Amino acid sequence: MTGSEMFQFKNWAVVGDVLNEGKFACSIAKKLERKNYNVFKVNPRSDDPRVYKSLKDIKEKIDVIDLVISPSIGIEVVKEACALGIDKIFIQPGAGSREIKDYCKEKGVKVYEGCVLVEL
C-alpha cells in the first residue's frame, strides 16, 4: 500500500509525543487536522487527559495508525492495533524495526514507511 492510498482514509491515530510542540508527532497531528482528518492522539507514556494512553481507549473506528514513537514501544502498539482489527500502519522515519515489519507481514497488516509531513 502506498502513502497516497493511506491518505484516502480519514480516521488516524497518531502515536507519539503528540502534545510536545518540539516533536514530530505533534506536527504530524496538527497537519492531519489542518487537512481535515479525524485525529486521535495517543501517547502510552502520558497521563494528560487530552490524549489516549492506548488504542483500545478510542471508541471510534481507526483506519490508520501513524507510528512516531520508538520501535520498542511501537511493537506493542502494533500488537494492540492488530488485536483491535486495525490493518494499516504508517511508519515515520526512525519508528520502524524489522520486528515491527515482520509482525505486520505475519498478521497481514499493510505497512507504509514514509513521512506524513513531506507526503501530505
N, C-alpha and C. Protein backbone atom coordinates (compact mmCIF):
# COMPACT_ATOMS: atom_id res chain seq x y z
N MET A 1 0.85 -1.17 0.00
CA MET A 1 0.00 0.00 0.00
C MET A 1 0.89 1.24 0.00
N THR A 2 0.51 2.24 -0.76
CA THR A 2 1.30 3.47 -0.85
C THR A 2 0.81 4.49 0.19
N GLY A 3 1.62 5.51 0.39
CA GLY A 3 1.21 6.60 1.27
C GLY A 3 -0.04 7.27 0.76
N SER A 4 -0.10 7.50 -0.55
CA SER A 4 -1.29 8.13 -1.15
C SER A 4 -2.55 7.32 -0.87
N GLU A 5 -2.43 6.01 -0.94
CA GLU A 5 -3.59 5.15 -0.65
C GLU A 5 -3.99 5.28 0.82
N MET A 6 -3.03 5.36 1.72
CA MET A 6 -3.35 5.50 3.13
C MET A 6 -4.05 6.84 3.41
N PHE A 7 -3.64 7.87 2.66
CA PHE A 7 -4.25 9.19 2.87
C PHE A 7 -5.71 9.24 2.42
N GLN A 8 -6.20 8.20 1.76
CA GLN A 8 -7.61 8.13 1.39
C GLN A 8 -8.50 7.87 2.61
N PHE A 9 -7.90 7.34 3.67
CA PHE A 9 -8.64 7.02 4.89
C PHE A 9 -8.59 8.22 5.83
N LYS A 10 -9.66 8.51 6.53
CA LYS A 10 -9.77 9.76 7.28
C LYS A 10 -9.60 9.66 8.79
N ASN A 11 -9.63 8.47 9.36
CA ASN A 11 -9.51 8.34 10.82
C ASN A 11 -8.12 7.82 11.18
N TRP A 12 -7.30 8.70 11.73
CA TRP A 12 -5.90 8.39 12.03
C TRP A 12 -5.63 8.48 13.52
N ALA A 13 -4.86 7.54 14.03
CA ALA A 13 -4.34 7.62 15.39
C ALA A 13 -2.84 7.91 15.26
N VAL A 14 -2.43 9.05 15.80
CA VAL A 14 -1.01 9.41 15.79
C VAL A 14 -0.45 9.03 17.15
N VAL A 15 0.57 8.17 17.15
CA VAL A 15 1.13 7.64 18.38
C VAL A 15 2.54 8.19 18.59
N GLY A 16 2.69 8.95 19.67
CA GLY A 16 3.99 9.53 19.99
C GLY A 16 3.81 10.67 20.97
N ASP A 17 4.78 11.55 21.02
CA ASP A 17 4.74 12.70 21.93
C ASP A 17 3.92 13.81 21.27
N VAL A 18 2.61 13.59 21.21
CA VAL A 18 1.70 14.40 20.40
C VAL A 18 1.40 15.79 20.95
N LEU A 19 1.73 16.07 22.18
CA LEU A 19 1.48 17.39 22.75
C LEU A 19 2.73 18.26 22.84
N ASN A 20 3.88 17.69 22.56
CA ASN A 20 5.14 18.42 22.65
C ASN A 20 5.40 19.12 21.32
N GLU A 21 5.30 20.46 21.33
CA GLU A 21 5.46 21.26 20.11
C GLU A 21 6.78 21.00 19.39
N GLY A 22 7.78 20.56 20.10
CA GLY A 22 9.09 20.32 19.50
C GLY A 22 9.25 18.94 18.89
N LYS A 23 8.22 18.12 18.91
CA LYS A 23 8.31 16.75 18.41
C LYS A 23 7.51 16.57 17.12
N PHE A 24 7.96 15.65 16.29
CA PHE A 24 7.30 15.39 15.02
C PHE A 24 5.86 14.90 15.19
N ALA A 25 5.60 14.12 16.22
CA ALA A 25 4.24 13.60 16.42
C ALA A 25 3.23 14.74 16.54
N CYS A 26 3.60 15.80 17.24
CA CYS A 26 2.72 16.96 17.40
C CYS A 26 2.50 17.65 16.05
N SER A 27 3.58 17.85 15.30
CA SER A 27 3.48 18.49 13.99
C SER A 27 2.64 17.67 13.02
N ILE A 28 2.79 16.36 13.08
CA ILE A 28 2.03 15.46 12.20
C ILE A 28 0.55 15.52 12.54
N ALA A 29 0.22 15.45 13.82
CA ALA A 29 -1.18 15.51 14.25
C ALA A 29 -1.81 16.82 13.78
N LYS A 30 -1.10 17.91 13.94
CA LYS A 30 -1.63 19.22 13.53
C LYS A 30 -1.83 19.30 12.02
N LYS A 31 -0.89 18.76 11.26
CA LYS A 31 -1.02 18.80 9.80
C LYS A 31 -2.22 17.97 9.34
N LEU A 32 -2.36 16.79 9.91
CA LEU A 32 -3.52 15.95 9.56
C LEU A 32 -4.82 16.67 9.90
N GLU A 33 -4.87 17.32 11.05
CA GLU A 33 -6.07 18.06 11.44
C GLU A 33 -6.35 19.21 10.47
N ARG A 34 -5.31 19.92 10.06
CA ARG A 34 -5.48 21.03 9.10
C ARG A 34 -6.03 20.52 7.76
N LYS A 35 -5.69 19.28 7.43
CA LYS A 35 -6.16 18.68 6.17
C LYS A 35 -7.49 17.94 6.35
N ASN A 36 -8.15 18.19 7.48
CA ASN A 36 -9.49 17.65 7.76
C ASN A 36 -9.55 16.15 8.01
N TYR A 37 -8.49 15.61 8.58
CA TYR A 37 -8.52 14.22 9.04
C TYR A 37 -9.03 14.20 10.47
N ASN A 38 -9.65 13.11 10.85
CA ASN A 38 -10.03 12.89 12.24
C ASN A 38 -8.81 12.29 12.92
N VAL A 39 -8.25 13.02 13.88
CA VAL A 39 -7.00 12.61 14.51
C VAL A 39 -7.23 12.27 15.97
N PHE A 40 -6.76 11.10 16.35
CA PHE A 40 -6.81 10.64 17.73
C PHE A 40 -5.37 10.58 18.22
N LYS A 41 -5.07 11.36 19.24
CA LYS A 41 -3.69 11.46 19.75
C LYS A 41 -3.47 10.42 20.84
N VAL A 42 -2.41 9.64 20.66
CA VAL A 42 -2.11 8.55 21.58
C VAL A 42 -0.66 8.68 22.06
N ASN A 43 -0.49 8.59 23.38
CA ASN A 43 0.85 8.55 23.96
C ASN A 43 0.80 7.63 25.18
N PRO A 44 1.34 6.41 25.03
CA PRO A 44 1.30 5.45 26.14
C PRO A 44 1.98 5.95 27.41
N ARG A 45 2.86 6.92 27.29
CA ARG A 45 3.62 7.43 28.44
C ARG A 45 2.96 8.64 29.11
N SER A 46 1.90 9.15 28.54
CA SER A 46 1.30 10.39 29.03
C SER A 46 0.12 10.14 29.96
N ASP A 47 -0.01 11.00 30.94
CA ASP A 47 -1.19 10.99 31.80
C ASP A 47 -2.08 12.19 31.51
N ASP A 48 -1.78 12.91 30.45
CA ASP A 48 -2.55 14.09 30.08
C ASP A 48 -3.93 13.65 29.57
N PRO A 49 -5.00 14.24 30.07
CA PRO A 49 -6.34 13.83 29.66
C PRO A 49 -6.68 14.18 28.20
N ARG A 50 -5.84 14.96 27.55
CA ARG A 50 -6.10 15.32 26.15
C ARG A 50 -5.67 14.24 25.17
N VAL A 51 -4.99 13.22 25.68
CA VAL A 51 -4.52 12.14 24.80
C VAL A 51 -4.96 10.78 25.35
N TYR A 52 -5.03 9.83 24.45
CA TYR A 52 -5.35 8.45 24.84
C TYR A 52 -4.06 7.75 25.24
N LYS A 53 -4.16 6.88 26.24
CA LYS A 53 -2.99 6.08 26.64
C LYS A 53 -2.82 4.87 25.73
N SER A 54 -3.92 4.39 25.16
CA SER A 54 -3.83 3.23 24.28
C SER A 54 -4.92 3.29 23.22
N LEU A 55 -4.75 2.50 22.19
CA LEU A 55 -5.71 2.46 21.09
C LEU A 55 -7.07 1.95 21.56
N LYS A 56 -7.06 1.03 22.51
CA LYS A 56 -8.33 0.44 22.97
C LYS A 56 -9.24 1.46 23.65
N ASP A 57 -8.67 2.59 24.07
CA ASP A 57 -9.47 3.64 24.71
C ASP A 57 -10.26 4.48 23.70
N ILE A 58 -9.94 4.36 22.44
CA ILE A 58 -10.61 5.12 21.39
C ILE A 58 -11.87 4.38 20.97
N LYS A 59 -13.00 5.04 21.05
CA LYS A 59 -14.27 4.38 20.74
C LYS A 59 -14.60 4.39 19.24
N GLU A 60 -14.07 5.37 18.51
CA GLU A 60 -14.32 5.48 17.08
C GLU A 60 -13.46 4.49 16.31
N LYS A 61 -13.84 4.23 15.06
CA LYS A 61 -13.08 3.33 14.20
C LYS A 61 -11.80 4.03 13.75
N ILE A 62 -10.69 3.35 13.88
CA ILE A 62 -9.40 3.86 13.42
C ILE A 62 -9.04 3.17 12.12
N ASP A 63 -8.71 3.97 11.11
CA ASP A 63 -8.32 3.41 9.81
C ASP A 63 -6.81 3.18 9.73
N VAL A 64 -6.04 4.16 10.21
CA VAL A 64 -4.58 4.13 10.06
C VAL A 64 -3.92 4.53 11.37
N ILE A 65 -2.88 3.80 11.75
CA ILE A 65 -2.04 4.17 12.89
C ILE A 65 -0.78 4.81 12.31
N ASP A 66 -0.41 5.98 12.81
CA ASP A 66 0.84 6.61 12.42
C ASP A 66 1.81 6.48 13.59
N LEU A 67 2.83 5.67 13.41
CA LEU A 67 3.82 5.45 14.47
C LEU A 67 4.89 6.53 14.41
N VAL A 68 5.01 7.28 15.50
CA VAL A 68 6.03 8.32 15.64
C VAL A 68 6.64 8.13 17.02
N ILE A 69 7.03 6.90 17.30
CA ILE A 69 7.46 6.50 18.64
C ILE A 69 8.57 5.47 18.49
N SER A 70 9.36 5.29 19.52
CA SER A 70 10.47 4.34 19.42
C SER A 70 9.94 2.94 19.09
N PRO A 71 10.69 2.19 18.29
CA PRO A 71 10.25 0.85 17.91
C PRO A 71 9.97 -0.08 19.09
N SER A 72 10.69 0.10 20.19
CA SER A 72 10.47 -0.79 21.34
C SER A 72 9.07 -0.60 21.93
N ILE A 73 8.53 0.58 21.83
CA ILE A 73 7.15 0.83 22.27
C ILE A 73 6.20 0.60 21.10
N GLY A 74 6.65 0.94 19.91
CA GLY A 74 5.83 0.79 18.71
C GLY A 74 5.36 -0.63 18.46
N ILE A 75 6.19 -1.62 18.76
CA ILE A 75 5.78 -3.01 18.54
C ILE A 75 4.57 -3.35 19.40
N GLU A 76 4.53 -2.83 20.61
CA GLU A 76 3.37 -3.09 21.49
C GLU A 76 2.12 -2.41 20.94
N VAL A 77 2.29 -1.22 20.39
CA VAL A 77 1.16 -0.50 19.77
C VAL A 77 0.65 -1.29 18.56
N VAL A 78 1.57 -1.81 17.77
CA VAL A 78 1.19 -2.60 16.59
C VAL A 78 0.44 -3.86 17.00
N LYS A 79 0.90 -4.52 18.04
CA LYS A 79 0.21 -5.72 18.52
C LYS A 79 -1.20 -5.37 18.99
N GLU A 80 -1.34 -4.26 19.69
CA GLU A 80 -2.66 -3.82 20.14
C GLU A 80 -3.54 -3.49 18.93
N ALA A 81 -2.97 -2.81 17.93
CA ALA A 81 -3.73 -2.46 16.72
C ALA A 81 -4.26 -3.73 16.04
N CYS A 82 -3.41 -4.73 15.92
CA CYS A 82 -3.83 -5.99 15.29
C CYS A 82 -4.96 -6.64 16.08
N ALA A 83 -4.85 -6.63 17.39
CA ALA A 83 -5.90 -7.22 18.24
C ALA A 83 -7.23 -6.48 18.07
N LEU A 84 -7.15 -5.20 17.71
CA LEU A 84 -8.36 -4.38 17.52
C LEU A 84 -8.86 -4.40 16.08
N GLY A 85 -8.13 -5.09 15.20
CA GLY A 85 -8.55 -5.19 13.80
C GLY A 85 -8.11 -4.02 12.93
N ILE A 86 -7.18 -3.23 13.41
CA ILE A 86 -6.64 -2.12 12.61
C ILE A 86 -5.55 -2.69 11.73
N ASP A 87 -5.67 -2.48 10.42
CA ASP A 87 -4.77 -3.19 9.50
C ASP A 87 -3.92 -2.29 8.60
N LYS A 88 -3.75 -1.02 8.98
CA LYS A 88 -2.90 -0.12 8.21
C LYS A 88 -2.00 0.66 9.17
N ILE A 89 -0.69 0.57 8.94
CA ILE A 89 0.29 1.24 9.79
C ILE A 89 1.19 2.10 8.91
N PHE A 90 1.24 3.39 9.22
CA PHE A 90 2.14 4.33 8.56
C PHE A 90 3.30 4.53 9.52
N ILE A 91 4.52 4.21 9.07
CA ILE A 91 5.68 4.26 9.96
C ILE A 91 6.57 5.43 9.57
N GLN A 92 6.74 6.35 10.50
CA GLN A 92 7.61 7.51 10.29
C GLN A 92 9.07 7.09 10.38
N PRO A 93 9.98 7.87 9.78
CA PRO A 93 11.41 7.57 9.88
C PRO A 93 11.84 7.43 11.35
N GLY A 94 12.55 6.35 11.64
CA GLY A 94 13.04 6.10 12.99
C GLY A 94 12.10 5.31 13.87
N ALA A 95 10.86 5.13 13.42
CA ALA A 95 9.88 4.42 14.23
C ALA A 95 9.73 2.95 13.85
N GLY A 96 10.38 2.55 12.78
CA GLY A 96 10.24 1.19 12.31
C GLY A 96 11.34 0.27 12.80
N SER A 97 11.09 -1.00 12.68
CA SER A 97 12.08 -2.02 13.01
C SER A 97 11.75 -3.28 12.23
N ARG A 98 12.72 -4.15 12.13
CA ARG A 98 12.49 -5.44 11.47
C ARG A 98 11.39 -6.19 12.20
N GLU A 99 11.39 -6.13 13.54
CA GLU A 99 10.38 -6.83 14.33
C GLU A 99 8.97 -6.32 13.99
N ILE A 100 8.81 -5.02 13.87
CA ILE A 100 7.50 -4.45 13.54
C ILE A 100 7.08 -4.89 12.14
N LYS A 101 7.99 -4.78 11.18
CA LYS A 101 7.64 -5.15 9.80
C LYS A 101 7.32 -6.63 9.68
N ASP A 102 8.11 -7.48 10.34
CA ASP A 102 7.85 -8.93 10.30
C ASP A 102 6.52 -9.26 10.94
N TYR A 103 6.22 -8.62 12.07
CA TYR A 103 4.95 -8.88 12.76
C TYR A 103 3.77 -8.47 11.87
N CYS A 104 3.89 -7.31 11.24
CA CYS A 104 2.81 -6.84 10.36
C CYS A 104 2.63 -7.78 9.18
N LYS A 105 3.73 -8.23 8.60
CA LYS A 105 3.64 -9.15 7.47
C LYS A 105 2.94 -10.44 7.89
N GLU A 106 3.33 -10.96 9.05
CA GLU A 106 2.73 -12.19 9.58
C GLU A 106 1.23 -12.04 9.81
N LYS A 107 0.80 -10.84 10.23
CA LYS A 107 -0.61 -10.60 10.56
C LYS A 107 -1.41 -10.03 9.40
N GLY A 108 -0.76 -9.79 8.26
CA GLY A 108 -1.47 -9.26 7.10
C GLY A 108 -1.79 -7.77 7.19
N VAL A 109 -1.00 -7.06 7.97
CA VAL A 109 -1.20 -5.62 8.14
C VAL A 109 -0.44 -4.89 7.02
N LYS A 110 -1.10 -3.91 6.42
CA LYS A 110 -0.47 -3.12 5.37
C LYS A 110 0.43 -2.07 6.04
N VAL A 111 1.66 -1.97 5.56
CA VAL A 111 2.65 -1.07 6.15
C VAL A 111 3.17 -0.14 5.07
N TYR A 112 3.33 1.11 5.44
CA TYR A 112 3.98 2.06 4.57
C TYR A 112 4.97 2.85 5.40
N GLU A 113 6.19 2.98 4.92
CA GLU A 113 7.21 3.77 5.61
C GLU A 113 7.42 5.07 4.84
N GLY A 114 7.20 6.17 5.54
CA GLY A 114 7.35 7.47 4.91
C GLY A 114 7.16 8.57 5.93
N CYS A 115 6.98 9.79 5.43
CA CYS A 115 6.82 10.94 6.31
C CYS A 115 5.57 11.72 5.93
N VAL A 116 4.62 11.75 6.85
CA VAL A 116 3.37 12.48 6.62
C VAL A 116 3.65 13.95 6.31
N LEU A 117 4.59 14.55 7.01
CA LEU A 117 4.87 15.98 6.81
C LEU A 117 5.34 16.28 5.39
N VAL A 118 6.01 15.33 4.76
CA VAL A 118 6.51 15.52 3.41
C VAL A 118 5.45 15.14 2.38
N GLU A 119 4.74 14.06 2.64
CA GLU A 119 3.88 13.47 1.61
C GLU A 119 2.45 13.98 1.58
N LEU A 120 2.00 14.62 2.65
CA LEU A 120 0.60 15.08 2.69
C LEU A 120 0.52 16.53 2.25
